[in-house]
Amino acid sequence: MQAPAALVALFNDDQVSVVQGDGAFNVGGGAAWQHSVSQWALVTSSHQATVVSDTTLDPRFASHPLVCEEPFIRFYAAAPLVSAAGARLGTLCFLDTQPRQLDAGQALILSNMADMVVRHVEQDKALQQRMAQNAELRRIHKQMHDIVDCFEWCCVVLDTSTPDWTIMYANAAWNKVTGSDRNEVLGRPLASVLEVPGAAPLPGPAHIASVAAGQESKTLLAKLHATAVAWAPASLTEWAMAA
């Protein structure tokens, strides 16, 4: 664009925020500039680009302090930042202290750059949402673990999305009941830790069907697999699994 200044302004319900500015004169902060952006970026609600070749000849801009005084802006071009859902996120603006025209090639560049900014903004928002969701999941998991650690009997959390039902968590009672550190079984398949003598490896078809249906599934007289850990196997009188 070869303009001496550019900025990205994002909108919300009651204000316009300059999130990125660059150029030969100040476009990044100050109450006067923030106010001017609020006026100029909202000149039109159209999704079409706004181009003012000479601000002194446009009644919307001619009396504005940044036109009449430093930095004496004469040219203004802004492409709206429109989300995939059609919401107006903000504006990509280019400014100059000299009157100028915007040819077809430059207009296309302005539009393409606006599309790039929109993709970046939407990706950033999606990332922030995922981070917030992950933080909430971590909080819920910690709360659940704190509660389950108070139980006197062994409890483990299994990842039933894996074919072998990987052990994701074991509560503090595991150490007392088995005499071993619960961290030794984390990430291991269920069948490598527990077995039912004379039966198929866990999880069996009945367990898979029950848990898939959201029902409890019980196995009596399961024991720790002989090769599971470096300590002697212990017997568990009852092993229950529930979704």
Foldseek 3Di string as FASTA:
>chain_A
DPFQKKFWWFDDDPFIATPDIDGDDDQHDDPLNRVVQVQVFVVDPDQAKDWQQFQCPDPSRNPRCVCVHPPNWTIKIWGFQAEPVGDTTTIIMGIHNHGDDQDPVNSVVRNVVSPVVNVVVVVVVVVVVVVVVVVVVVVVVVVVQVVVLPDQDKDWQFDLVDVQTFTADIHPNCCVQFVDDRVLRHRHGPQLFKDDPPDDGPPDPVCNVQQVVQHKDKDAWIKTDCRSDPDGIDIDGMDMDGD
